[in-house]
Each structure stands twice: as structure tokens, then as C-alpha cells.
């Protein structure tokens, strides 16, 4: 137990960080920029920390742009409004994602502009060889350190972390929570303090300001931990945030006007 629970927690948050930082805020929305060399490093880091759950930045980026363009309409790749259950929605999401990533479908050019792509690496990282290798590693950790039967219940969750992370936001954050903005979809802020999803649960804020790197910050309790990592990497000149200061100032002015 001393190893398995920390191992699970570390995998949950590290996998989630690279999903929200690299796949979501960078690949989908270009909230910041980076060099092509740095981009390839983050490809590798995303594979390393997502492991058997690796998602292609190319496929994820395009599909998520489609979600924003068609939010809660029949063309939305994942919407609780048009799917009967969370399982049906996620299976539909998987099918669309796989078709986009494998280039089995033609995609509108507006969704492909500047999406990061590394076909050779994606082919390896998405392969069964890679997924089975990571799966065997996870199984070995449990085999050595799981000293109580109930700890094995965490293992299947680790095999499916990325779909689980996506389901939490794409299902629950479109059904439950509060809204700061009346936007043309059902997006909500699922958690008032996002201790679970590293800022992703401020979904209503994000649907209002899609390219803004800070998903929180509208109310005093909306703290987005990923944003502070983005600021740190910006100060270290690993990435460059795109006009975040201007966006934050505009938002603060809007809030002051509303309060007045």
C-alpha cells in the first residue's frame, strides 16, 4: 500500500498534466508557443507519463477543436446532450478520435492548422507493442507491491486514465456544476476548487475563453494549478504564453463593470 497508492496518484496527475498542458492548451488551442525541438520533447514526455493511455496530439487537437466549433450539436464528437450514457459517448469519442488520428476521414482544414504532428512517433506510441509494454510494467509494480487484494482495483483504472479524464470533463462538466457565463452550450464549472482535474473542471470558463491559458481566475476560489506551471515554463523560456496579460486585464475589467 505504501507504494501502490502513491504510484497511482502520481500516474493520475502526471498523465493529466500532459493531457491538459500539451494536448489541450497547446495542441488544441495554441495558448502558448514552443520551438519544434521542444514540441518533440513534449511528445516523448506525454508518451512517457501517459503510458498505455497515450493520446496523439494530432488526433486530440483536431477532435477538441471540433468540440468547440460544434459544442452540444449533433456534430459534436462528445456531448451528453446527444448520447444516452457516458459509455456510449466515450465509445463514439474513441471512434472519431481513431479515425482522425489514422486519417481515415477527411477533416476540414480549419481544424488542422498548426496542429502538432509527428507521424512516426505517433505510430509507435499508439501501437499495441507500446501499450502492452506499459501495461506489463504497471502489472509488475502491482505484482511486487500490492500486498492487499483491494489495491488491484486501481490497476484497470490506470489502464484507462486518459479516457477517464476525458469522460469526467466531457460528461460531468456538461451536466453538473455552476456557470460564470451564459454561453451557447451546456458547459459548467464542475468543481469550485479543482483539486482533481488540474484546472480542467473550469469548463464553462474555458468555453468562454478558449485560447486563454488560465482556465480559472474568474472567482477567487478558481485556482488553476496547470496555469502556474505554464507561467513557470514561460519565465524559464521553455514556452511563450500568447497574450495572456491582455486577456487577464480584459477579464478583470469586465468583472469590475459587472460588480459596478
C-alpha atoms as a PDB file:
ATOM      1  CA  UNK A   1       0.000   0.000   0.000  1.00  0.00           C
ATOM      2  CA  UNK A   2       2.945   2.319   0.719  1.00  0.00           C
ATOM      3  CA  UNK A   3       3.933   2.080  -2.965  1.00  0.00           C
ATOM      4  CA  UNK A   4       0.727   1.420  -4.917  1.00  0.00           C
ATOM      5  CA  UNK A   5      -1.318   4.411  -3.777  1.00  0.00           C
ATOM      6  CA  UNK A   6       1.496   6.962  -4.365  1.00  0.00           C
ATOM      7  CA  UNK A   7       2.182   5.248  -7.710  1.00  0.00           C
ATOM      8  CA  UNK A   8      -1.476   5.581  -8.706  1.00  0.00           C
ATOM      9  CA  UNK A   9      -1.728   9.215  -7.580  1.00  0.00           C
ATOM     10  CA  UNK A  10       1.493  10.158  -9.387  1.00  0.00           C
ATOM     11  CA  UNK A  11       0.294   8.494 -12.583  1.00  0.00           C
ATOM     12  CA  UNK A  12      -3.127  10.202 -12.323  1.00  0.00           C
ATOM     13  CA  UNK A  13      -1.693  13.719 -12.032  1.00  0.00           C
ATOM     14  CA  UNK A  14       1.312  13.381 -14.337  1.00  0.00           C
ATOM     15  CA  UNK A  15      -0.798  11.830 -17.080  1.00  0.00           C
ATOM     16  CA  UNK A  16      -3.420  14.532 -16.568  1.00  0.00           C
ATOM     17  CA  UNK A  17      -0.854  17.346 -16.610  1.00  0.00           C
ATOM     18  CA  UNK A  18       0.447  16.406 -20.044  1.00  0.00           C
ATOM     19  CA  UNK A  19      -3.103  15.979 -21.306  1.00  0.00           C
ATOM     20  CA  UNK A  20      -4.197  19.435 -20.187  1.00  0.00           C
ATOM     21  CA  UNK A  21      -0.862  21.186 -20.836  1.00  0.00           C
ATOM     22  CA  UNK A  22       0.299  19.667 -24.116  1.00  0.00           C
ATOM     23  CA  UNK A  23      -2.741  18.108 -25.762  1.00  0.00           C
ATOM     24  CA  UNK A  24      -5.397  20.572 -24.664  1.00  0.00           C
ATOM     25  CA  UNK A  25      -3.904  24.011 -24.111  1.00  0.00           C
ATOM     26  CA  UNK A  26      -1.131  23.686 -26.690  1.00  0.00           C
ATOM     27  CA  UNK A  27      -2.180  21.260 -29.436  1.00  0.00           C
ATOM     28  CA  UNK A  28      -5.851  22.254 -29.419  1.00  0.00           C
ATOM     29  CA  UNK A  29      -5.791  25.960 -28.556  1.00  0.00           C
ATOM     30  CA  UNK A  30      -2.214  27.219 -29.030  1.00  0.00           C
ATOM     31  CA  UNK A  31      -2.477  29.129 -25.746  1.00  0.00           C
ATOM     32  CA  UNK A  32       1.322  29.274 -25.856  1.00  0.00           C
ATOM     33  CA  UNK A  33       4.049  28.547 -28.371  1.00  0.00           C
ATOM     34  CA  UNK A  34       7.243  26.482 -28.298  1.00  0.00           C
ATOM     35  CA  UNK A  35      10.019  25.504 -30.662  1.00  0.00           C
ATOM     36  CA  UNK A  36       9.721  22.382 -32.801  1.00  0.00           C
ATOM     37  CA  UNK A  37      12.522  20.772 -30.811  1.00  0.00           C
ATOM     38  CA  UNK A  38      10.692  21.450 -27.515  1.00  0.00           C
ATOM     39  CA  UNK A  39       7.488  20.194 -29.099  1.00  0.00           C
ATOM     40  CA  UNK A  40       9.121  16.835 -29.845  1.00  0.00           C
ATOM     41  CA  UNK A  41      10.385  16.628 -26.265  1.00  0.00           C
ATOM     42  CA  UNK A  42       6.817  17.089 -25.031  1.00  0.00           C
ATOM     43  CA  UNK A  43       5.617  14.411 -27.445  1.00  0.00           C
ATOM     44  CA  UNK A  44       8.012  11.998 -25.752  1.00  0.00           C
ATOM     45  CA  UNK A  45       7.153  13.179 -22.226  1.00  0.00           C
ATOM     46  CA  UNK A  46       3.436  12.798 -22.948  1.00  0.00           C
ATOM     47  CA  UNK A  47       4.038   9.219 -24.077  1.00  0.00           C
ATOM     48  CA  UNK A  48       6.220   8.525 -21.042  1.00  0.00           C
ATOM     49  CA  UNK A  49       3.724   9.814 -18.476  1.00  0.00           C
ATOM     50  CA  UNK A  50       0.505   8.729 -20.186  1.00  0.00           C
ATOM     51  CA  UNK A  51       2.000   5.337 -20.966  1.00  0.00           C
ATOM     52  CA  UNK A  52      -0.621   2.850 -22.117  1.00  0.00           C
ATOM     53  CA  UNK A  53      -3.096   5.768 -22.264  1.00  0.00           C
ATOM     54  CA  UNK A  54      -1.085   7.805 -24.777  1.00  0.00           C
ATOM     55  CA  UNK A  55      -3.210  10.133 -26.909  1.00  0.00           C
ATOM     56  CA  UNK A  56      -1.981  11.623 -30.171  1.00  0.00           C
ATOM     57  CA  UNK A  57      -1.652  15.433 -30.037  1.00  0.00           C
ATOM     58  CA  UNK A  58      -2.724  15.480 -33.690  1.00  0.00           C
ATOM     59  CA  UNK A  59      -5.907  13.469 -33.156  1.00  0.00           C
ATOM     60  CA  UNK A  60      -6.725  15.071 -29.813  1.00  0.00           C
ATOM     61  CA  UNK A  61      -6.098  18.613 -31.101  1.00  0.00           C
ATOM     62  CA  UNK A  62      -8.354  18.250 -34.135  1.00  0.00           C
ATOM     63  CA  UNK A  63     -11.149  16.488 -32.259  1.00  0.00           C
ATOM     64  CA  UNK A  64     -11.144  19.074 -29.477  1.00  0.00           C
ATOM     65  CA  UNK A  65     -11.311  21.945 -31.969  1.00  0.00           C
ATOM     66  CA  UNK A  66     -14.349  20.234 -33.471  1.00  0.00           C
ATOM     67  CA  UNK A  67     -15.875  20.006 -29.979  1.00  0.00           C
ATOM     68  CA  UNK A  68     -15.618  23.778 -29.551  1.00  0.00           C
ATOM     69  CA  UNK A  69     -16.898  24.510 -33.062  1.00  0.00           C
ATOM     70  CA  UNK A  70     -19.916  22.182 -32.706  1.00  0.00           C
ATOM     71  CA  UNK A  71     -20.429  22.121 -28.918  1.00  0.00           C
ATOM     72  CA  UNK A  72     -23.647  20.334 -27.940  1.00  0.00           C
ATOM     73  CA  UNK A  73     -24.851  19.937 -31.512  1.00  0.00           C
ATOM     74  CA  UNK A  74     -25.205  16.678 -33.485  1.00  0.00           C
ATOM     75  CA  UNK A  75     -21.706  17.247 -34.932  1.00  0.00           C
ATOM     76  CA  UNK A  76     -20.048  17.443 -31.503  1.00  0.00           C
ATOM     77  CA  UNK A  77     -17.641  14.478 -31.097  1.00  0.00           C
ATOM     78  CA  UNK A  78     -18.759  14.125 -27.463  1.00  0.00           C
ATOM     79  CA  UNK A  79     -21.877  15.649 -25.947  1.00  0.00           C
ATOM     80  CA  UNK A  80     -24.107  14.320 -23.140  1.00  0.00           C
ATOM     81  CA  UNK A  81     -26.942  16.055 -24.930  1.00  0.00           C
ATOM     82  CA  UNK A  82     -26.831  13.565 -27.802  1.00  0.00           C
ATOM     83  CA  UNK A  83     -25.639  10.376 -26.101  1.00  0.00           C
ATOM     84  CA  UNK A  84     -27.690   8.249 -23.728  1.00  0.00           C
ATOM     85  CA  UNK A  85     -24.868   7.269 -21.396  1.00  0.00           C
ATOM     86  CA  UNK A  86     -21.298   8.154 -20.569  1.00  0.00           C
ATOM     87  CA  UNK A  87     -20.130   4.832 -22.042  1.00  0.00           C
ATOM     88  CA  UNK A  88     -21.884   5.427 -25.344  1.00  0.00           C
ATOM     89  CA  UNK A  89     -20.447   8.932 -25.536  1.00  0.00           C
ATOM     90  CA  UNK A  90     -16.897   7.749 -24.859  1.00  0.00           C
ATOM     91  CA  UNK A  91     -17.137   4.941 -27.415  1.00  0.00           C
ATOM     92  CA  UNK A  92     -18.271   7.477 -30.000  1.00  0.00           C
ATOM     93  CA  UNK A  93     -15.364   9.714 -28.951  1.00  0.00           C
ATOM     94  CA  UNK A  94     -12.886   6.849 -29.326  1.00  0.00           C
ATOM     95  CA  UNK A  95     -14.173   6.011 -32.812  1.00  0.00           C
ATOM     96  CA  UNK A  96     -13.948   9.615 -34.047  1.00  0.00           C
ATOM     97  CA  UNK A  97     -10.518  10.116 -32.448  1.00  0.00           C
ATOM     98  CA  UNK A  98      -9.149   6.899 -34.021  1.00  0.00           C
ATOM     99  CA  UNK A  99     -10.479   7.821 -37.465  1.00  0.00           C
ATOM    100  CA  UNK A 100      -8.942  11.293 -37.274  1.00  0.00           C
ATOM    101  CA  UNK A 101      -5.595  10.076 -35.963  1.00  0.00           C
ATOM    102  CA  UNK A 102      -5.378   7.305 -38.564  1.00  0.00           C
ATOM    103  CA  UNK A 103      -6.501   9.800 -41.246  1.00  0.00           C
ATOM    104  CA  UNK A 104      -9.414   7.622 -42.301  1.00  0.00           C
ATOM    105  CA  UNK A 105     -11.662  10.674 -42.572  1.00  0.00           C
ATOM    106  CA  UNK A 106     -11.246  13.981 -44.335  1.00  0.00           C
ATOM    107  CA  UNK A 107     -11.009  16.876 -41.889  1.00  0.00           C
ATOM    108  CA  UNK A 108     -11.929  20.499 -42.573  1.00  0.00           C
ATOM    109  CA  UNK A 109      -8.634  22.430 -42.956  1.00  0.00           C
ATOM    110  CA  UNK A 110      -9.716  24.956 -40.329  1.00  0.00           C
ATOM    111  CA  UNK A 111      -9.271  22.244 -37.685  1.00  0.00           C
ATOM    112  CA  UNK A 112      -5.803  21.122 -38.803  1.00  0.00           C
ATOM    113  CA  UNK A 113      -3.932  24.433 -38.913  1.00  0.00           C
ATOM    114  CA  UNK A 114      -0.722  24.278 -36.835  1.00  0.00           C
ATOM    115  CA  UNK A 115      -1.773  21.098 -35.007  1.00  0.00           C
ATOM    116  CA  UNK A 116       1.466  19.374 -33.863  1.00  0.00           C
ATOM    117  CA  UNK A 117       2.173  16.216 -35.818  1.00  0.00           C
ATOM    118  CA  UNK A 118       4.908  13.572 -35.585  1.00  0.00           C
ATOM    119  CA  UNK A 119       3.545  10.593 -37.557  1.00  0.00           C
ATOM    120  CA  UNK A 120       6.445   8.183 -36.974  1.00  0.00           C
ATOM    121  CA  UNK A 121       6.430   8.692 -33.216  1.00  0.00           C
ATOM    122  CA  UNK A 122       2.633   8.589 -33.014  1.00  0.00           C
ATOM    123  CA  UNK A 123       2.614   5.292 -34.866  1.00  0.00           C
ATOM    124  CA  UNK A 124       4.952   3.768 -32.289  1.00  0.00           C
ATOM    125  CA  UNK A 125       3.385   5.408 -29.212  1.00  0.00           C
ATOM    126  CA  UNK A 126      -0.122   4.294 -30.221  1.00  0.00           C
ATOM    127  CA  UNK A 127       0.960   0.771 -31.166  1.00  0.00           C
ATOM    128  CA  UNK A 128      -0.028  -2.347 -29.249  1.00  0.00           C
ATOM    129  CA  UNK A 129       3.656  -3.000 -28.608  1.00  0.00           C
ATOM    130  CA  UNK A 130       3.938   0.259 -26.690  1.00  0.00           C
ATOM    131  CA  UNK A 131       0.646  -0.201 -24.833  1.00  0.00           C
ATOM    132  CA  UNK A 132       1.446  -3.781 -23.840  1.00  0.00           C
ATOM    133  CA  UNK A 133       4.904  -2.745 -22.675  1.00  0.00           C
ATOM    134  CA  UNK A 134       3.437  -0.116 -20.351  1.00  0.00           C
ATOM    135  CA  UNK A 135       0.693  -2.485 -19.244  1.00  0.00           C
ATOM    136  CA  UNK A 136       3.274  -5.125 -18.326  1.00  0.00           C
ATOM    137  CA  UNK A 137       5.202  -2.523 -16.340  1.00  0.00           C
ATOM    138  CA  UNK A 138       2.122  -1.491 -14.347  1.00  0.00           C
ATOM    139  CA  UNK A 139       1.228  -5.124 -13.728  1.00  0.00           C
ATOM    140  CA  UNK A 140       4.757  -5.819 -12.467  1.00  0.00           C
ATOM    141  CA  UNK A 141       4.561  -2.961  -9.985  1.00  0.00           C
ATOM    142  CA  UNK A 142       1.303  -4.345  -8.590  1.00  0.00           C
ATOM    143  CA  UNK A 143       2.648  -7.874  -8.562  1.00  0.00           C
ATOM    144  CA  UNK A 144       5.581  -6.822  -6.386  1.00  0.00           C
ATOM    145  CA  UNK A 145       3.978  -4.184  -4.155  1.00  0.00           C
ATOM    146  CA  UNK A 146       0.205  -4.850  -3.935  1.00  0.00           C
ATOM    147  CA  UNK A 147       0.080  -6.515  -0.516  1.00  0.00           C
ATOM    148  CA  UNK A 148      -3.738  -6.286  -0.191  1.00  0.00           C
ATOM    149  CA  UNK A 149      -6.291  -7.552  -2.695  1.00  0.00           C
ATOM    150  CA  UNK A 150      -8.258  -4.301  -2.979  1.00  0.00           C
ATOM    151  CA  UNK A 151      -5.199  -2.444  -4.286  1.00  0.00           C
ATOM    152  CA  UNK A 152      -5.573  -4.391  -7.536  1.00  0.00           C
ATOM    153  CA  UNK A 153      -8.785  -2.424  -8.156  1.00  0.00           C
ATOM    154  CA  UNK A 154      -6.638   0.571  -9.088  1.00  0.00           C
ATOM    155  CA  UNK A 155      -4.877  -1.284 -11.923  1.00  0.00           C
ATOM    156  CA  UNK A 156      -7.705  -1.269 -14.529  1.00  0.00           C
ATOM    157  CA  UNK A 157      -8.185   2.439 -13.828  1.00  0.00           C
ATOM    158  CA  UNK A 158      -4.531   3.069 -14.707  1.00  0.00           C
ATOM    159  CA  UNK A 159      -5.016   1.221 -17.983  1.00  0.00           C
ATOM    160  CA  UNK A 160      -7.734   3.739 -18.927  1.00  0.00           C
ATOM    161  CA  UNK A 161      -6.691   7.022 -17.288  1.00  0.00           C
ATOM    162  CA  UNK A 162      -6.908   9.227 -20.381  1.00  0.00           C
ATOM    163  CA  UNK A 163     -10.460   8.113 -21.303  1.00  0.00           C
ATOM    164  CA  UNK A 164     -11.466   8.548 -17.650  1.00  0.00           C
ATOM    165  CA  UNK A 165     -10.032  12.066 -17.533  1.00  0.00           C
ATOM    166  CA  UNK A 166     -11.880  12.902 -20.740  1.00  0.00           C
ATOM    167  CA  UNK A 167     -15.136  11.395 -19.506  1.00  0.00           C
ATOM    168  CA  UNK A 168     -15.104  13.393 -16.269  1.00  0.00           C
ATOM    169  CA  UNK A 169     -14.985  16.679 -18.159  1.00  0.00           C
ATOM    170  CA  UNK A 170     -16.919  15.850 -21.323  1.00  0.00           C
ATOM    171  CA  UNK A 171     -19.803  14.266 -19.400  1.00  0.00           C
ATOM    172  CA  UNK A 172     -19.980  15.658 -15.868  1.00  0.00           C
ATOM    173  CA  UNK A 173     -18.791  19.201 -16.699  1.00  0.00           C
ATOM    174  CA  UNK A 174     -21.614  19.467 -19.227  1.00  0.00           C
ATOM    175  CA  UNK A 175     -24.241  18.296 -16.743  1.00  0.00           C
ATOM    176  CA  UNK A 176     -23.307  19.411 -13.213  1.00  0.00           C
ATOM    177  CA  UNK A 177     -21.816  22.493 -11.605  1.00  0.00           C
ATOM    178  CA  UNK A 178     -22.187  26.244 -11.882  1.00  0.00           C
ATOM    179  CA  UNK A 179     -21.802  28.767 -14.705  1.00  0.00           C
ATOM    180  CA  UNK A 180     -19.954  32.067 -14.793  1.00  0.00           C
ATOM    181  CA  UNK A 181     -21.032  32.698 -18.382  1.00  0.00           C
ATOM    182  CA  UNK A 182     -24.138  32.065 -20.432  1.00  0.00           C
ATOM    183  CA  UNK A 183     -22.550  30.514 -23.498  1.00  0.00           C
ATOM    184  CA  UNK A 184     -24.235  28.672 -26.330  1.00  0.00           C
ATOM    185  CA  UNK A 185     -23.649  25.210 -24.885  1.00  0.00           C
ATOM    186  CA  UNK A 186     -24.116  23.287 -21.632  1.00  0.00           C
ATOM    187  CA  UNK A 187     -20.563  23.710 -20.271  1.00  0.00           C
ATOM    188  CA  UNK A 188     -20.268  24.146 -16.498  1.00  0.00           C
ATOM    189  CA  UNK A 189     -17.572  24.557 -13.879  1.00  0.00           C
ATOM    190  CA  UNK A 190     -17.728  21.126 -12.316  1.00  0.00           C
ATOM    191  CA  UNK A 191     -15.618  21.788  -9.181  1.00  0.00           C
ATOM    192  CA  UNK A 192     -15.401  25.115  -7.305  1.00  0.00           C
ATOM    193  CA  UNK A 193     -11.886  24.136  -6.168  1.00  0.00           C
ATOM    194  CA  UNK A 194     -10.282  21.896  -8.759  1.00  0.00           C
ATOM    195  CA  UNK A 195      -8.150  19.544  -6.696  1.00  0.00           C
ATOM    196  CA  UNK A 196      -8.913  16.635  -9.049  1.00  0.00           C
ATOM    197  CA  UNK A 197      -8.518  17.799 -12.662  1.00  0.00           C
ATOM    198  CA  UNK A 198      -5.741  20.435 -12.525  1.00  0.00           C
ATOM    199  CA  UNK A 199      -7.965  23.255 -13.799  1.00  0.00           C
ATOM    200  CA  UNK A 200      -9.822  21.255 -16.441  1.00  0.00           C
ATOM    201  CA  UNK A 201     -13.070  21.284 -14.478  1.00  0.00           C
ATOM    202  CA  UNK A 202     -13.457  25.068 -15.008  1.00  0.00           C
ATOM    203  CA  UNK A 203     -15.078  24.097 -18.267  1.00  0.00           C
ATOM    204  CA  UNK A 204     -17.552  26.950 -18.559  1.00  0.00           C
ATOM    205  CA  UNK A 205     -14.729  29.481 -18.176  1.00  0.00           C
ATOM    206  CA  UNK A 206     -12.792  27.619 -20.851  1.00  0.00           C
ATOM    207  CA  UNK A 207     -15.678  27.576 -23.315  1.00  0.00           C
ATOM    208  CA  UNK A 208     -15.980  31.344 -22.916  1.00  0.00           C
ATOM    209  CA  UNK A 209     -12.236  31.982 -23.393  1.00  0.00           C
ATOM    210  CA  UNK A 210     -10.971  29.009 -25.396  1.00  0.00           C
ATOM    211  CA  UNK A 211      -7.414  30.206 -26.087  1.00  0.00           C
ATOM    212  CA  UNK A 212      -6.771  31.618 -22.628  1.00  0.00           C
ATOM    213  CA  UNK A 213      -4.115  29.583 -20.749  1.00  0.00           C
ATOM    214  CA  UNK A 214      -5.726  30.192 -17.347  1.00  0.00           C
ATOM    215  CA  UNK A 215      -8.959  28.215 -17.017  1.00  0.00           C
ATOM    216  CA  UNK A 216      -9.633  29.613 -13.540  1.00  0.00           C
ATOM    217  CA  UNK A 217      -9.252  33.054 -12.025  1.00  0.00           C
ATOM    218  CA  UNK A 218     -12.780  34.333 -12.584  1.00  0.00           C
ATOM    219  CA  UNK A 219     -13.861  33.779  -8.981  1.00  0.00           C
ATOM    220  CA  UNK A 220     -11.476  33.937  -6.037  1.00  0.00           C
ATOM    221  CA  UNK A 221     -11.595  30.193  -5.405  1.00  0.00           C
ATOM    222  CA  UNK A 222     -10.952  29.158  -9.016  1.00  0.00           C
ATOM    223  CA  UNK A 223      -7.293  28.176  -8.831  1.00  0.00           C
ATOM    224  CA  UNK A 224      -5.836  26.529 -11.921  1.00  0.00           C
ATOM    225  CA  UNK A 225      -2.604  24.709 -10.940  1.00  0.00           C
ATOM    226  CA  UNK A 226      -1.661  23.978 -14.553  1.00  0.00           C
ATOM    227  CA  UNK A 227      -1.639  27.687 -15.298  1.00  0.00           C
ATOM    228  CA  UNK A 228       1.032  28.287 -12.671  1.00  0.00           C
ATOM    229  CA  UNK A 229       3.169  25.604 -14.297  1.00  0.00           C
ATOM    230  CA  UNK A 230       2.630  27.358 -17.628  1.00  0.00           C
ATOM    231  CA  UNK A 231       3.740  30.657 -16.092  1.00  0.00           C
ATOM    232  CA  UNK A 232       6.848  28.990 -14.677  1.00  0.00           C
ATOM    233  CA  UNK A 233       7.766  27.421 -18.020  1.00  0.00           C
ATOM    234  CA  UNK A 234       7.171  30.811 -19.661  1.00  0.00           C
ATOM    235  CA  UNK A 235       9.570  32.502 -17.231  1.00  0.00           C
ATOM    236  CA  UNK A 236      12.108  29.754 -17.915  1.00  0.00           C
ATOM    237  CA  UNK A 237      11.664  30.493 -21.655  1.00  0.00           C
ATOM    238  CA  UNK A 238      10.700  26.901 -22.406  1.00  0.00           C
ATOM    239  CA  UNK A 239       7.426  28.189 -23.873  1.00  0.00           C
ATOM    240  CA  UNK A 240       5.947  31.602 -24.648  1.00  0.00           C
ATOM    241  CA  UNK A 241       2.429  32.452 -23.463  1.00  0.00           C
ATOM    242  CA  UNK A 242       0.321  34.138 -26.129  1.00  0.00           C
ATOM    243  CA  UNK A 243      -1.112  37.461 -24.931  1.00  0.00           C
ATOM    244  CA  UNK A 244      -2.174  36.141 -21.526  1.00  0.00           C
ATOM    245  CA  UNK A 245      -1.630  39.538 -19.838  1.00  0.00           C
ATOM    246  CA  UNK A 246      -4.004  41.287 -22.218  1.00  0.00           C
ATOM    247  CA  UNK A 247      -6.690  38.630 -21.771  1.00  0.00           C
ATOM    248  CA  UNK A 248      -6.456  38.733 -17.980  1.00  0.00           C
ATOM    249  CA  UNK A 249      -6.714  42.533 -17.943  1.00  0.00           C
ATOM    250  CA  UNK A 250      -9.783  42.438 -20.188  1.00  0.00           C
ATOM    251  CA  UNK A 251     -11.409  39.847 -17.932  1.00  0.00           C
ATOM    252  CA  UNK A 252     -10.710  41.904 -14.803  1.00  0.00           C
ATOM    253  CA  UNK A 253     -12.220  44.996 -16.418  1.00  0.00           C
ATOM    254  CA  UNK A 254     -15.329  43.018 -17.369  1.00  0.00           C
ATOM    255  CA  UNK A 255     -15.725  41.789 -13.794  1.00  0.00           C
ATOM    256  CA  UNK A 256     -15.347  45.303 -12.372  1.00  0.00           C
ATOM    257  CA  UNK A 257     -18.048  46.578 -14.714  1.00  0.00           C
ATOM    258  CA  UNK A 258     -20.391  43.766 -13.672  1.00  0.00           C
ATOM    259  CA  UNK A 259     -19.753  44.485  -9.983  1.00  0.00           C
ATOM    260  CA  UNK A 260     -20.432  48.202 -10.509  1.00  0.00           C
END
